Protein backbone atom coordinates (compact mmCIF):
# COMPACT_ATOMS: atom_id res chain seq x y z
CA MET A 1 148.33 49.15 -58.11
CA LYS A 2 147.99 50.90 -61.47
CA ILE A 3 147.53 54.65 -61.73
CA SER A 4 147.71 57.18 -64.56
CA ALA A 5 149.87 59.67 -62.66
CA ARG A 6 153.56 59.25 -63.47
CA ASN A 7 154.94 61.17 -60.52
CA THR A 8 154.81 58.59 -57.73
CA LEU A 9 157.32 58.73 -54.90
CA LYS A 10 157.53 55.77 -52.53
CA GLY A 11 158.30 56.54 -48.93
CA LYS A 12 157.49 56.04 -45.27
CA VAL A 13 154.76 57.83 -43.32
CA VAL A 14 156.48 59.90 -40.62
CA SER A 15 153.50 61.85 -39.30
CA VAL A 16 149.68 61.77 -39.38
CA GLU A 17 148.00 64.77 -37.75
CA LYS A 18 144.22 64.59 -37.81
CA GLY A 19 142.10 67.71 -37.48
CA ALA A 20 138.32 68.05 -37.33
CA THR A 21 137.84 66.75 -40.91
CA THR A 22 141.25 66.94 -42.61
CA ALA A 23 144.57 65.30 -41.83
CA HIS A 24 148.11 66.32 -42.73
CA VAL A 25 150.15 63.29 -43.73
CA LYS A 26 153.94 63.58 -44.03
CA ILE A 27 155.87 61.03 -46.10
CA GLU A 28 159.66 60.85 -46.16
CA VAL A 29 160.55 59.97 -49.76
CA ALA A 30 164.33 60.30 -49.35
CA ASP A 31 166.68 61.05 -46.46
CA GLY A 32 165.36 64.33 -45.08
CA THR A 33 162.95 64.93 -47.98
CA ILE A 34 159.38 65.06 -46.72
CA ILE A 35 156.21 65.62 -48.72
CA THR A 36 153.06 66.75 -46.91
CA SER A 37 149.54 66.08 -48.16
CA SER A 38 146.18 67.25 -46.82
CA ILE A 39 143.59 64.48 -47.11
CA THR A 40 140.35 63.67 -45.32
CA ASN A 41 140.38 61.78 -42.02
CA GLU A 42 138.18 59.20 -43.77
CA ALA A 43 140.91 58.66 -46.40
CA VAL A 44 143.54 58.19 -43.66
CA ASP A 45 141.38 55.51 -42.05
CA SER A 46 140.47 53.84 -45.35
CA LEU A 47 144.13 53.63 -46.42
CA GLY A 48 145.23 52.46 -42.98
CA LEU A 49 147.88 55.18 -42.78
CA THR A 50 149.98 55.00 -39.63
CA VAL A 51 153.45 56.23 -38.75
CA GLY A 52 156.01 53.82 -40.19
CA ALA A 53 153.73 52.53 -42.97
CA GLN A 54 154.96 52.45 -46.56
CA ALA A 55 152.97 54.69 -48.91
CA TYR A 56 153.31 56.68 -52.12
CA ALA A 57 153.07 60.41 -52.65
CA VAL A 58 151.29 60.74 -55.99
CA VAL A 59 151.74 64.14 -57.62
CA LYS A 60 149.21 65.13 -60.28
CA ALA A 61 149.12 68.79 -61.33
CA SER A 62 149.07 70.82 -58.11
CA ASP A 63 147.70 68.02 -55.91
CA VAL A 64 149.55 65.46 -53.83
CA MET A 65 147.58 62.30 -53.19
CA ILE A 66 148.48 59.30 -51.03
CA ALA A 67 148.41 55.71 -52.32
CA VAL A 68 149.22 52.31 -50.82
CA ASP A 69 149.63 48.81 -52.28
């Protein structure tokens, strides 16, 4: 994976809470340090995000995106 953002934090998905259209995904990037991102349910499904999966929190400006290999 190549991406222009330089603030990528690898971690483990610890929670995926889907709502009507948007999900809150929590990634533990260090012991006890959790980053939460709001992304679409479609993005959760497309990325195959499940609890325990490895993923990246990608920080660009004020947004936190989720990326996987």
